[in-house]
């Protein structure tokens, strides 16, 4: 994998570098990647299901990023769990319980409808109603949220990212190891990606 260290002017949000081999080392949960394994650039996003900035990124920037770079084979994109609260942990657990083929669709659904389940009086009931749209029954919902092993793996993913890669906010992105933070527009990604893809 090319590290592409000749970056040109980086956005103000760009920070430190993390070795790519450390970022790509197997974690508590298997990565579910979009884009080819041999893509010249890998983007890893650490996100929380209850983070409004993460939802905004997935609504506003992700479609363009996916169309321009992931769908064209230039970027491999990996979303990793960094729950900021127990409700976010539950959302990620349900996405994992849906299975590897449906996980990203459940994540997209939860971000699209975040306001209707994450910030309401009875969030667990609202979360159950939301994931029903993805085919997760009440019985499966309850069984998933009782899965202690999965709960531990999701939280260990967060702890590893905080300890090893100094992730302390969401969304945090690593573009071939270069840290970028926040709800970034597609233009910020263009500035960093274009030099790596020449």
N, C-alpha and C. Protein backbone atom coordinates (compact mmCIF):
# COMPACT_ATOMS: atom_id res chain seq x y z
N UNK A 1 0.85 -1.19 0.00
CA UNK A 1 0.00 0.00 0.00
C UNK A 1 0.88 1.24 0.00
N UNK A 2 0.60 2.14 -0.93
CA UNK A 2 1.39 3.37 -1.03
C UNK A 2 1.00 4.31 0.10
N UNK A 3 2.00 4.83 0.78
CA UNK A 3 1.71 5.75 1.87
C UNK A 3 1.53 7.18 1.38
N UNK A 4 2.11 7.52 0.24
CA UNK A 4 1.90 8.83 -0.34
C UNK A 4 2.14 9.98 0.62
N UNK A 5 3.38 10.21 1.01
CA UNK A 5 3.65 11.23 2.00
C UNK A 5 3.79 12.63 1.40
N UNK A 6 3.84 12.75 0.06
CA UNK A 6 3.97 14.07 -0.56
C UNK A 6 2.60 14.69 -0.68
N UNK A 7 2.16 15.39 0.34
CA UNK A 7 0.80 15.86 0.42
C UNK A 7 0.57 17.25 -0.13
N UNK A 8 1.32 18.19 -0.28
CA UNK A 8 0.87 19.53 -0.65
C UNK A 8 0.10 20.14 0.52
N UNK A 9 -0.58 21.24 0.30
CA UNK A 9 -1.24 21.90 1.42
C UNK A 9 -2.38 21.06 1.98
N UNK A 10 -2.25 20.72 3.24
CA UNK A 10 -3.28 19.91 3.89
C UNK A 10 -4.29 20.83 4.54
N UNK A 11 -5.54 20.37 4.66
CA UNK A 11 -6.53 21.21 5.34
C UNK A 11 -6.16 21.42 6.79
N UNK A 12 -6.72 22.46 7.37
CA UNK A 12 -6.42 22.80 8.76
C UNK A 12 -6.77 21.66 9.70
N UNK A 13 -7.70 20.79 9.25
CA UNK A 13 -8.13 19.69 10.11
C UNK A 13 -7.13 18.53 10.11
N UNK A 14 -6.15 18.56 9.22
CA UNK A 14 -5.19 17.45 9.14
C UNK A 14 -4.22 17.52 10.31
N UNK A 15 -3.90 16.34 10.85
CA UNK A 15 -3.01 16.31 12.01
C UNK A 15 -1.90 15.30 11.80
N UNK A 16 -1.69 14.50 12.84
CA UNK A 16 -0.56 13.59 12.89
C UNK A 16 -0.72 12.39 11.97
N UNK A 17 0.37 11.66 11.81
CA UNK A 17 0.36 10.41 11.05
C UNK A 17 0.38 9.23 12.01
N UNK A 18 -0.30 8.17 11.62
CA UNK A 18 -0.27 6.90 12.35
C UNK A 18 0.18 5.85 11.35
N UNK A 19 1.14 4.99 11.70
CA UNK A 19 1.59 3.97 10.75
C UNK A 19 0.42 3.10 10.26
N UNK A 20 0.34 2.94 8.94
CA UNK A 20 -0.79 2.22 8.34
C UNK A 20 -0.83 0.77 8.81
N UNK A 21 0.35 0.16 9.00
CA UNK A 21 0.34 -1.24 9.44
C UNK A 21 -0.29 -1.39 10.82
N UNK A 22 -0.12 -0.38 11.67
CA UNK A 22 -0.77 -0.42 13.00
C UNK A 22 -2.28 -0.24 12.87
N UNK A 23 -2.69 0.69 12.00
CA UNK A 23 -4.12 0.92 11.78
C UNK A 23 -4.80 -0.33 11.23
N UNK A 24 -4.09 -1.07 10.38
CA UNK A 24 -4.69 -2.21 9.69
C UNK A 24 -4.52 -3.52 10.45
N UNK A 25 -3.85 -3.50 11.60
CA UNK A 25 -3.70 -4.72 12.40
C UNK A 25 -5.09 -5.19 12.83
N UNK A 26 -5.33 -6.51 12.86
CA UNK A 26 -6.65 -7.01 13.24
C UNK A 26 -7.06 -6.50 14.62
N UNK A 27 -8.32 -6.08 14.74
CA UNK A 27 -8.85 -5.58 16.00
C UNK A 27 -9.84 -6.55 16.59
N UNK A 28 -10.59 -6.13 17.60
CA UNK A 28 -11.57 -7.01 18.26
C UNK A 28 -12.69 -7.46 17.32
N UNK A 29 -13.02 -6.62 16.33
CA UNK A 29 -14.07 -6.95 15.35
C UNK A 29 -13.46 -6.95 13.95
N UNK A 30 -13.93 -7.84 13.07
CA UNK A 30 -13.42 -7.82 11.69
C UNK A 30 -13.88 -6.56 10.97
N UNK A 31 -12.98 -5.97 10.17
CA UNK A 31 -13.35 -4.80 9.38
C UNK A 31 -14.33 -5.21 8.29
N UNK A 32 -15.28 -4.33 8.01
CA UNK A 32 -16.19 -4.51 6.89
C UNK A 32 -15.89 -3.36 5.94
N UNK A 33 -15.16 -3.67 4.88
CA UNK A 33 -14.63 -2.63 3.99
C UNK A 33 -15.47 -2.48 2.73
N UNK A 34 -15.48 -1.26 2.22
CA UNK A 34 -16.05 -0.97 0.90
C UNK A 34 -14.90 -0.55 0.01
N UNK A 35 -14.90 -1.02 -1.22
CA UNK A 35 -13.81 -0.69 -2.14
C UNK A 35 -12.79 -1.81 -2.17
N UNK A 36 -11.97 -1.84 -3.22
CA UNK A 36 -11.04 -2.97 -3.42
C UNK A 36 -9.88 -2.99 -2.42
N UNK A 37 -9.44 -4.20 -2.09
CA UNK A 37 -8.32 -4.37 -1.16
C UNK A 37 -7.05 -3.71 -1.70
N UNK A 38 -6.89 -3.66 -3.00
CA UNK A 38 -5.68 -3.09 -3.59
C UNK A 38 -5.76 -1.61 -3.90
N UNK A 39 -6.78 -0.93 -3.39
CA UNK A 39 -6.92 0.51 -3.66
C UNK A 39 -5.69 1.27 -3.14
N UNK A 40 -5.27 2.33 -3.85
CA UNK A 40 -4.08 3.07 -3.42
C UNK A 40 -4.25 3.83 -2.12
N UNK A 41 -5.50 4.11 -1.72
CA UNK A 41 -5.76 4.86 -0.50
C UNK A 41 -6.75 4.08 0.36
N UNK A 42 -6.48 4.05 1.66
CA UNK A 42 -7.44 3.48 2.62
C UNK A 42 -7.86 4.59 3.58
N UNK A 43 -9.18 4.75 3.72
CA UNK A 43 -9.73 5.70 4.70
C UNK A 43 -10.41 4.88 5.78
N UNK A 44 -10.03 5.13 7.03
CA UNK A 44 -10.69 4.52 8.18
C UNK A 44 -11.41 5.63 8.93
N UNK A 45 -12.70 5.42 9.17
CA UNK A 45 -13.48 6.39 9.95
C UNK A 45 -13.82 5.76 11.29
N UNK A 46 -13.55 6.48 12.37
CA UNK A 46 -14.05 6.11 13.70
C UNK A 46 -15.23 7.02 13.98
N UNK A 47 -16.39 6.40 14.24
CA UNK A 47 -17.63 7.16 14.36
C UNK A 47 -18.45 6.63 15.53
N UNK A 48 -19.43 7.44 15.94
CA UNK A 48 -20.39 7.04 16.96
C UNK A 48 -21.79 7.17 16.36
N UNK A 49 -22.65 6.21 16.67
CA UNK A 49 -24.00 6.22 16.09
C UNK A 49 -24.83 7.40 16.58
N UNK A 50 -24.52 7.96 17.75
CA UNK A 50 -25.29 9.07 18.29
C UNK A 50 -24.62 10.43 18.05
N UNK A 51 -23.58 10.45 17.25
CA UNK A 51 -22.83 11.68 16.96
C UNK A 51 -23.50 12.41 15.80
N UNK A 52 -23.98 13.65 16.05
CA UNK A 52 -24.67 14.41 15.00
C UNK A 52 -23.72 14.78 13.86
N UNK A 53 -22.44 14.99 14.19
CA UNK A 53 -21.46 15.32 13.15
C UNK A 53 -21.21 14.11 12.25
N UNK A 54 -21.21 12.91 12.83
CA UNK A 54 -21.05 11.68 12.04
C UNK A 54 -22.25 11.50 11.12
N UNK A 55 -23.45 11.74 11.64
CA UNK A 55 -24.65 11.63 10.82
C UNK A 55 -24.61 12.63 9.67
N UNK A 56 -24.18 13.85 9.97
CA UNK A 56 -24.10 14.89 8.93
C UNK A 56 -23.08 14.49 7.86
N UNK A 57 -21.93 13.94 8.27
CA UNK A 57 -20.94 13.46 7.30
C UNK A 57 -21.57 12.40 6.40
N UNK A 58 -22.27 11.44 7.01
CA UNK A 58 -22.84 10.34 6.23
C UNK A 58 -23.97 10.80 5.31
N UNK A 59 -24.65 11.88 5.69
CA UNK A 59 -25.72 12.42 4.85
C UNK A 59 -25.17 13.31 3.74
N UNK A 60 -24.18 14.14 4.08
CA UNK A 60 -23.76 15.20 3.15
C UNK A 60 -22.49 14.88 2.36
N UNK A 61 -21.49 14.30 3.00
CA UNK A 61 -20.20 14.09 2.35
C UNK A 61 -20.03 12.67 1.82
N UNK A 62 -20.50 11.68 2.57
CA UNK A 62 -20.28 10.28 2.21
C UNK A 62 -20.77 9.92 0.80
N UNK A 63 -21.97 10.34 0.37
CA UNK A 63 -22.40 9.95 -0.98
C UNK A 63 -21.42 10.39 -2.07
N UNK A 64 -20.89 11.61 -1.97
CA UNK A 64 -19.93 12.09 -2.96
C UNK A 64 -18.59 11.36 -2.84
N UNK A 65 -18.14 11.14 -1.61
CA UNK A 65 -16.88 10.43 -1.37
C UNK A 65 -16.97 9.01 -1.95
N UNK A 66 -18.09 8.35 -1.69
CA UNK A 66 -18.29 6.99 -2.19
C UNK A 66 -18.32 6.97 -3.72
N UNK A 67 -19.07 7.88 -4.31
CA UNK A 67 -19.20 7.90 -5.78
C UNK A 67 -17.87 8.23 -6.47
N UNK A 68 -17.14 9.21 -5.93
CA UNK A 68 -15.91 9.67 -6.58
C UNK A 68 -14.73 8.72 -6.37
N UNK A 69 -14.65 8.14 -5.19
CA UNK A 69 -13.42 7.44 -4.84
C UNK A 69 -13.60 5.95 -4.53
N UNK A 70 -14.64 5.58 -3.79
CA UNK A 70 -14.82 4.18 -3.40
C UNK A 70 -15.35 3.36 -4.58
N UNK A 71 -16.43 3.85 -5.21
CA UNK A 71 -17.04 3.11 -6.32
C UNK A 71 -16.13 3.04 -7.54
N UNK A 72 -15.17 3.94 -7.64
CA UNK A 72 -14.24 3.94 -8.78
C UNK A 72 -12.97 3.15 -8.48
N UNK A 73 -12.89 2.53 -7.29
CA UNK A 73 -11.75 1.68 -6.96
C UNK A 73 -10.51 2.41 -6.47
N UNK A 74 -10.62 3.71 -6.22
CA UNK A 74 -9.45 4.48 -5.79
C UNK A 74 -9.24 4.42 -4.28
N UNK A 75 -10.34 4.19 -3.53
CA UNK A 75 -10.29 4.22 -2.07
C UNK A 75 -10.98 2.99 -1.49
N UNK A 76 -10.35 2.44 -0.47
CA UNK A 76 -10.98 1.41 0.36
C UNK A 76 -11.42 2.12 1.63
N UNK A 77 -12.70 1.99 2.01
CA UNK A 77 -13.26 2.73 3.14
C UNK A 77 -13.71 1.75 4.22
N UNK A 78 -13.29 2.02 5.45
CA UNK A 78 -13.63 1.17 6.59
C UNK A 78 -14.20 2.04 7.69
N UNK A 79 -15.40 1.70 8.14
CA UNK A 79 -16.01 2.38 9.28
C UNK A 79 -15.79 1.52 10.52
N UNK A 80 -15.23 2.11 11.56
CA UNK A 80 -15.02 1.39 12.82
C UNK A 80 -15.81 2.05 13.95
N UNK A 81 -16.16 1.21 14.90
CA UNK A 81 -17.01 1.62 16.02
C UNK A 81 -16.23 2.44 17.05
N UNK A 82 -16.77 3.60 17.39
CA UNK A 82 -16.23 4.44 18.47
C UNK A 82 -17.41 5.04 19.22
N UNK A 83 -18.21 4.17 19.91
CA UNK A 83 -19.43 4.66 20.55
C UNK A 83 -19.11 5.63 21.69
N UNK A 84 -19.86 6.73 21.72
CA UNK A 84 -19.66 7.74 22.77
C UNK A 84 -20.58 7.54 23.96
N UNK A 85 -21.51 6.59 23.84
CA UNK A 85 -22.45 6.33 24.94
C UNK A 85 -23.08 4.95 24.72
N UNK A 86 -23.79 4.42 25.73
CA UNK A 86 -24.37 3.07 25.61
C UNK A 86 -25.37 2.93 24.46
N UNK A 87 -26.08 4.00 24.12
CA UNK A 87 -27.04 3.93 23.02
C UNK A 87 -26.31 3.75 21.69
N UNK A 88 -25.19 4.44 21.52
CA UNK A 88 -24.38 4.27 20.31
C UNK A 88 -23.83 2.85 20.24
N UNK A 89 -23.42 2.30 21.38
CA UNK A 89 -22.95 0.91 21.43
C UNK A 89 -24.05 -0.02 20.95
N UNK A 90 -25.28 0.21 21.42
CA UNK A 90 -26.42 -0.62 21.01
C UNK A 90 -26.64 -0.54 19.50
N UNK A 91 -26.55 0.67 18.95
CA UNK A 91 -26.73 0.83 17.50
C UNK A 91 -25.70 0.04 16.71
N UNK A 92 -24.45 0.12 17.14
CA UNK A 92 -23.39 -0.63 16.46
C UNK A 92 -23.57 -2.14 16.62
N UNK A 93 -23.99 -2.56 17.80
CA UNK A 93 -24.23 -4.01 18.02
C UNK A 93 -25.30 -4.51 17.07
N UNK A 94 -26.39 -3.75 16.92
CA UNK A 94 -27.47 -4.16 16.03
C UNK A 94 -27.01 -4.22 14.58
N UNK A 95 -26.17 -3.26 14.19
CA UNK A 95 -25.64 -3.28 12.82
C UNK A 95 -24.78 -4.53 12.59
N UNK A 96 -23.98 -4.90 13.59
CA UNK A 96 -23.17 -6.12 13.49
C UNK A 96 -24.06 -7.37 13.48
N UNK A 97 -25.10 -7.38 14.30
CA UNK A 97 -25.99 -8.54 14.37
C UNK A 97 -26.75 -8.76 13.06
N UNK A 98 -26.91 -7.70 12.27
CA UNK A 98 -27.59 -7.83 10.98
C UNK A 98 -26.77 -8.67 10.00
N UNK A 99 -25.47 -8.83 10.30
CA UNK A 99 -24.59 -9.62 9.44
C UNK A 99 -23.71 -8.72 8.59
N UNK A 100 -22.55 -9.25 8.14
CA UNK A 100 -21.59 -8.44 7.39
C UNK A 100 -22.18 -7.79 6.13
N UNK A 101 -23.11 -8.50 5.46
CA UNK A 101 -23.68 -7.96 4.22
C UNK A 101 -24.64 -6.81 4.47
N UNK A 102 -25.24 -6.76 5.66
CA UNK A 102 -26.25 -5.73 5.96
C UNK A 102 -25.74 -4.67 6.92
N UNK A 103 -24.56 -4.87 7.48
CA UNK A 103 -24.08 -3.96 8.52
C UNK A 103 -24.06 -2.50 8.06
N UNK A 104 -23.49 -2.22 6.90
CA UNK A 104 -23.39 -0.83 6.45
C UNK A 104 -24.76 -0.24 6.13
N UNK A 105 -25.69 -1.07 5.66
CA UNK A 105 -27.05 -0.59 5.39
C UNK A 105 -27.74 -0.19 6.68
N UNK A 106 -27.52 -0.96 7.76
CA UNK A 106 -28.12 -0.61 9.05
C UNK A 106 -27.48 0.66 9.60
N UNK A 107 -26.17 0.80 9.45
CA UNK A 107 -25.49 2.03 9.87
C UNK A 107 -26.08 3.23 9.12
N UNK A 108 -26.25 3.10 7.80
CA UNK A 108 -26.82 4.19 7.00
C UNK A 108 -28.23 4.53 7.48
N UNK A 109 -29.03 3.50 7.74
CA UNK A 109 -30.40 3.71 8.22
C UNK A 109 -30.40 4.47 9.55
N UNK A 110 -29.53 4.05 10.47
CA UNK A 110 -29.49 4.68 11.79
C UNK A 110 -29.02 6.13 11.71
N UNK A 111 -28.08 6.42 10.81
CA UNK A 111 -27.66 7.81 10.64
C UNK A 111 -28.76 8.64 9.99
N UNK A 112 -29.41 8.10 8.97
CA UNK A 112 -30.46 8.83 8.26
C UNK A 112 -31.60 9.18 9.21
N UNK A 113 -31.92 8.27 10.12
CA UNK A 113 -33.06 8.46 11.02
C UNK A 113 -32.61 8.77 12.46
N UNK A 114 -31.38 9.24 12.62
CA UNK A 114 -30.82 9.45 13.96
C UNK A 114 -31.73 10.28 14.88
N UNK A 115 -32.31 11.34 14.34
CA UNK A 115 -33.15 12.23 15.16
C UNK A 115 -34.37 11.51 15.72
N UNK A 116 -34.83 10.46 15.03
CA UNK A 116 -36.07 9.79 15.45
C UNK A 116 -35.83 8.71 16.51
N UNK A 117 -34.56 8.35 16.77
CA UNK A 117 -34.32 7.34 17.81
C UNK A 117 -33.28 7.78 18.85
N UNK A 118 -32.32 8.57 18.47
CA UNK A 118 -31.20 8.87 19.40
C UNK A 118 -31.53 9.97 20.39
N UNK A 119 -32.46 10.85 20.05
CA UNK A 119 -32.72 12.02 20.89
C UNK A 119 -34.19 12.11 21.26
N UNK A 120 -34.75 10.98 21.68
CA UNK A 120 -36.17 10.92 22.05
C UNK A 120 -36.31 10.40 23.48
N UNK A 121 -37.52 10.46 24.02
CA UNK A 121 -37.75 10.06 25.41
C UNK A 121 -37.49 8.58 25.66
N UNK A 122 -37.86 7.72 24.71
CA UNK A 122 -37.66 6.28 24.87
C UNK A 122 -36.80 5.76 23.73
N UNK A 123 -35.49 6.02 23.81
CA UNK A 123 -34.62 5.70 22.66
C UNK A 123 -34.54 4.21 22.33
N UNK A 124 -34.61 3.34 23.32
CA UNK A 124 -34.51 1.91 23.03
C UNK A 124 -35.71 1.44 22.23
N UNK A 125 -36.91 1.90 22.61
CA UNK A 125 -38.11 1.55 21.84
C UNK A 125 -38.00 2.09 20.42
N UNK A 126 -37.54 3.33 20.30
CA UNK A 126 -37.41 3.96 18.98
C UNK A 126 -36.35 3.25 18.14
N UNK A 127 -35.27 2.82 18.79
CA UNK A 127 -34.21 2.08 18.09
C UNK A 127 -34.75 0.75 17.56
N UNK A 128 -35.53 0.06 18.38
CA UNK A 128 -36.14 -1.21 17.96
C UNK A 128 -37.04 -0.99 16.75
N UNK A 129 -37.85 0.08 16.79
CA UNK A 129 -38.74 0.38 15.67
C UNK A 129 -37.95 0.72 14.40
N UNK A 130 -36.84 1.42 14.58
CA UNK A 130 -36.03 1.82 13.42
C UNK A 130 -35.39 0.61 12.75
N UNK A 131 -34.78 -0.28 13.53
CA UNK A 131 -34.07 -1.42 12.92
C UNK A 131 -35.03 -2.48 12.39
N UNK A 132 -36.30 -2.42 12.80
CA UNK A 132 -37.31 -3.31 12.20
C UNK A 132 -37.37 -3.09 10.69
N UNK A 133 -37.12 -1.85 10.27
CA UNK A 133 -37.13 -1.53 8.83
C UNK A 133 -36.05 -2.30 8.08
N UNK A 134 -35.01 -2.73 8.80
CA UNK A 134 -33.93 -3.50 8.20
C UNK A 134 -34.13 -5.00 8.40
N UNK A 135 -35.31 -5.37 8.92
CA UNK A 135 -35.61 -6.79 9.08
C UNK A 135 -35.17 -7.39 10.40
N UNK A 136 -34.84 -6.55 11.39
CA UNK A 136 -34.43 -7.06 12.70
C UNK A 136 -35.68 -7.13 13.59
N UNK A 137 -36.08 -8.34 13.93
CA UNK A 137 -37.29 -8.54 14.74
C UNK A 137 -37.05 -8.13 16.19
N UNK A 138 -38.12 -8.00 16.95
CA UNK A 138 -38.00 -7.67 18.37
C UNK A 138 -37.17 -8.72 19.10
N UNK A 139 -37.40 -10.00 18.77
CA UNK A 139 -36.65 -11.09 19.42
C UNK A 139 -35.16 -10.99 19.09
N UNK A 140 -34.85 -10.73 17.82
CA UNK A 140 -33.45 -10.59 17.41
C UNK A 140 -32.82 -9.35 18.05
N UNK A 141 -33.60 -8.29 18.15
CA UNK A 141 -33.15 -7.04 18.78
C UNK A 141 -32.72 -7.32 20.22
N UNK A 142 -33.60 -8.00 20.96
CA UNK A 142 -33.31 -8.28 22.38
C UNK A 142 -32.13 -9.23 22.53
N UNK A 143 -32.08 -10.25 21.68
CA UNK A 143 -30.97 -11.22 21.75
C UNK A 143 -29.64 -10.53 21.45
N UNK A 144 -29.64 -9.65 20.45
CA UNK A 144 -28.42 -8.95 20.06
C UNK A 144 -27.89 -8.09 21.21
N UNK A 145 -28.80 -7.34 21.85
CA UNK A 145 -28.36 -6.43 22.90
C UNK A 145 -27.96 -7.15 24.18
N UNK A 146 -28.25 -8.45 24.28
CA UNK A 146 -27.79 -9.26 25.43
C UNK A 146 -26.47 -9.97 25.15
N UNK A 147 -25.92 -9.75 23.95
CA UNK A 147 -24.68 -10.43 23.54
C UNK A 147 -23.48 -9.72 24.19
N UNK A 148 -23.06 -10.23 25.35
CA UNK A 148 -21.98 -9.59 26.11
C UNK A 148 -20.67 -9.58 25.34
N UNK A 149 -20.42 -10.66 24.61
CA UNK A 149 -19.17 -10.73 23.84
C UNK A 149 -19.10 -9.63 22.79
N UNK A 150 -20.19 -9.41 22.08
CA UNK A 150 -20.23 -8.36 21.06
C UNK A 150 -20.14 -6.98 21.71
N UNK A 151 -20.83 -6.80 22.83
CA UNK A 151 -20.76 -5.54 23.58
C UNK A 151 -19.30 -5.22 23.93
N UNK A 152 -18.60 -6.24 24.43
CA UNK A 152 -17.20 -6.06 24.82
C UNK A 152 -16.32 -5.73 23.61
N UNK A 153 -16.59 -6.39 22.47
CA UNK A 153 -15.79 -6.16 21.26
C UNK A 153 -15.98 -4.73 20.74
N UNK A 154 -17.21 -4.25 20.73
CA UNK A 154 -17.48 -2.89 20.26
C UNK A 154 -16.75 -1.87 21.16
N UNK A 155 -16.85 -2.06 22.45
CA UNK A 155 -16.20 -1.12 23.37
C UNK A 155 -14.68 -1.25 23.35
N UNK A 156 -14.18 -2.46 23.12
CA UNK A 156 -12.72 -2.64 23.01
C UNK A 156 -12.19 -1.94 21.75
N UNK A 157 -12.97 -1.94 20.68
CA UNK A 157 -12.58 -1.23 19.46
C UNK A 157 -12.38 0.25 19.77
N UNK A 158 -13.32 0.82 20.55
CA UNK A 158 -13.20 2.23 20.94
C UNK A 158 -11.97 2.45 21.82
N UNK A 159 -11.79 1.58 22.82
CA UNK A 159 -10.66 1.76 23.73
C UNK A 159 -9.32 1.64 23.00
N UNK A 160 -9.22 0.69 22.07
CA UNK A 160 -7.98 0.53 21.30
C UNK A 160 -7.69 1.79 20.48
N UNK A 161 -8.73 2.35 19.84
CA UNK A 161 -8.53 3.55 19.02
C UNK A 161 -8.09 4.74 19.86
N UNK A 162 -8.68 4.86 21.05
CA UNK A 162 -8.31 5.96 21.94
C UNK A 162 -6.87 5.82 22.42
N UNK A 163 -6.50 4.59 22.77
CA UNK A 163 -5.17 4.36 23.34
C UNK A 163 -4.08 4.35 22.26
N UNK A 164 -4.30 3.61 21.19
CA UNK A 164 -3.25 3.42 20.18
C UNK A 164 -3.15 4.57 19.20
N UNK A 165 -4.31 5.16 18.83
CA UNK A 165 -4.32 6.14 17.75
C UNK A 165 -4.76 7.53 18.20
N UNK A 166 -4.96 7.70 19.54
CA UNK A 166 -5.31 9.00 20.12
C UNK A 166 -6.63 9.56 19.57
N UNK A 167 -7.56 8.68 19.22
CA UNK A 167 -8.88 9.14 18.79
C UNK A 167 -9.61 9.64 20.04
N UNK A 168 -10.11 10.88 19.98
CA UNK A 168 -10.82 11.42 21.15
C UNK A 168 -12.09 12.17 20.76
N UNK A 169 -12.46 12.10 19.47
CA UNK A 169 -13.69 12.74 19.02
C UNK A 169 -14.17 12.01 17.77
N UNK A 170 -15.44 12.25 17.44
CA UNK A 170 -15.97 11.63 16.24
C UNK A 170 -16.63 12.70 15.36
N UNK A 171 -16.56 12.52 14.03
CA UNK A 171 -15.80 11.47 13.37
C UNK A 171 -14.31 11.81 13.29
N UNK A 172 -13.47 10.78 13.39
CA UNK A 172 -12.04 10.91 13.14
C UNK A 172 -11.72 9.99 11.97
N UNK A 173 -10.98 10.53 10.99
CA UNK A 173 -10.61 9.77 9.80
C UNK A 173 -9.10 9.60 9.75
N UNK A 174 -8.68 8.46 9.21
CA UNK A 174 -7.27 8.23 8.89
C UNK A 174 -7.20 7.97 7.39
N UNK A 175 -6.52 8.85 6.66
CA UNK A 175 -6.36 8.72 5.22
C UNK A 175 -4.92 8.28 4.97
N UNK A 176 -4.73 6.99 4.66
CA UNK A 176 -3.39 6.41 4.57
C UNK A 176 -2.55 6.80 5.79
N UNK A 177 -3.22 6.83 6.95
CA UNK A 177 -2.53 7.11 8.21
C UNK A 177 -2.56 8.55 8.66
N UNK A 178 -2.96 9.47 7.78
CA UNK A 178 -3.01 10.89 8.16
C UNK A 178 -4.35 11.18 8.84
N UNK A 179 -4.28 11.79 10.01
CA UNK A 179 -5.48 12.07 10.80
C UNK A 179 -6.22 13.30 10.29
N UNK A 180 -7.53 13.16 10.16
CA UNK A 180 -8.42 14.28 9.84
C UNK A 180 -9.61 14.17 10.78
N UNK A 181 -10.04 15.29 11.36
CA UNK A 181 -11.13 15.27 12.34
C UNK A 181 -12.29 16.13 11.89
N UNK A 182 -13.48 15.68 12.28
CA UNK A 182 -14.65 16.53 12.16
C UNK A 182 -15.53 16.21 10.97
N UNK A 183 -16.63 16.94 10.91
CA UNK A 183 -17.64 16.80 9.86
C UNK A 183 -17.14 17.54 8.63
N UNK A 184 -16.29 16.87 7.85
CA UNK A 184 -15.56 17.53 6.76
C UNK A 184 -16.34 17.49 5.45
N UNK A 185 -16.28 18.57 4.67
CA UNK A 185 -16.90 18.56 3.36
C UNK A 185 -16.05 17.76 2.37
N UNK A 186 -16.66 17.41 1.26
CA UNK A 186 -15.94 16.61 0.25
C UNK A 186 -14.69 17.34 -0.24
N UNK A 187 -14.73 18.68 -0.26
CA UNK A 187 -13.56 19.43 -0.74
C UNK A 187 -12.32 19.17 0.10
N UNK A 188 -12.50 18.97 1.41
CA UNK A 188 -11.35 18.68 2.27
C UNK A 188 -10.74 17.32 1.92
N UNK A 189 -11.61 16.36 1.59
CA UNK A 189 -11.10 15.05 1.18
C UNK A 189 -10.43 15.15 -0.19
N UNK A 190 -11.02 15.92 -1.11
CA UNK A 190 -10.40 16.10 -2.43
C UNK A 190 -8.97 16.60 -2.30
N UNK A 191 -8.75 17.59 -1.42
CA UNK A 191 -7.41 18.20 -1.27
C UNK A 191 -6.39 17.17 -0.81
N UNK A 192 -6.81 16.26 0.04
CA UNK A 192 -5.88 15.25 0.55
C UNK A 192 -5.76 14.06 -0.40
N UNK A 193 -6.86 13.68 -1.02
CA UNK A 193 -6.85 12.48 -1.87
C UNK A 193 -6.23 12.69 -3.22
N UNK A 194 -6.49 13.82 -3.86
CA UNK A 194 -6.00 14.02 -5.22
C UNK A 194 -4.48 13.84 -5.35
N UNK A 195 -3.66 14.43 -4.43
CA UNK A 195 -2.21 14.21 -4.55
C UNK A 195 -1.82 12.74 -4.38
N UNK A 196 -2.58 11.99 -3.60
CA UNK A 196 -2.26 10.57 -3.38
C UNK A 196 -2.62 9.71 -4.57
N UNK A 197 -3.46 10.22 -5.43
CA UNK A 197 -3.97 9.41 -6.55
C UNK A 197 -3.32 9.78 -7.89
N UNK A 198 -2.33 10.67 -7.86
CA UNK A 198 -1.66 11.06 -9.10
C UNK A 198 -0.67 10.00 -9.54
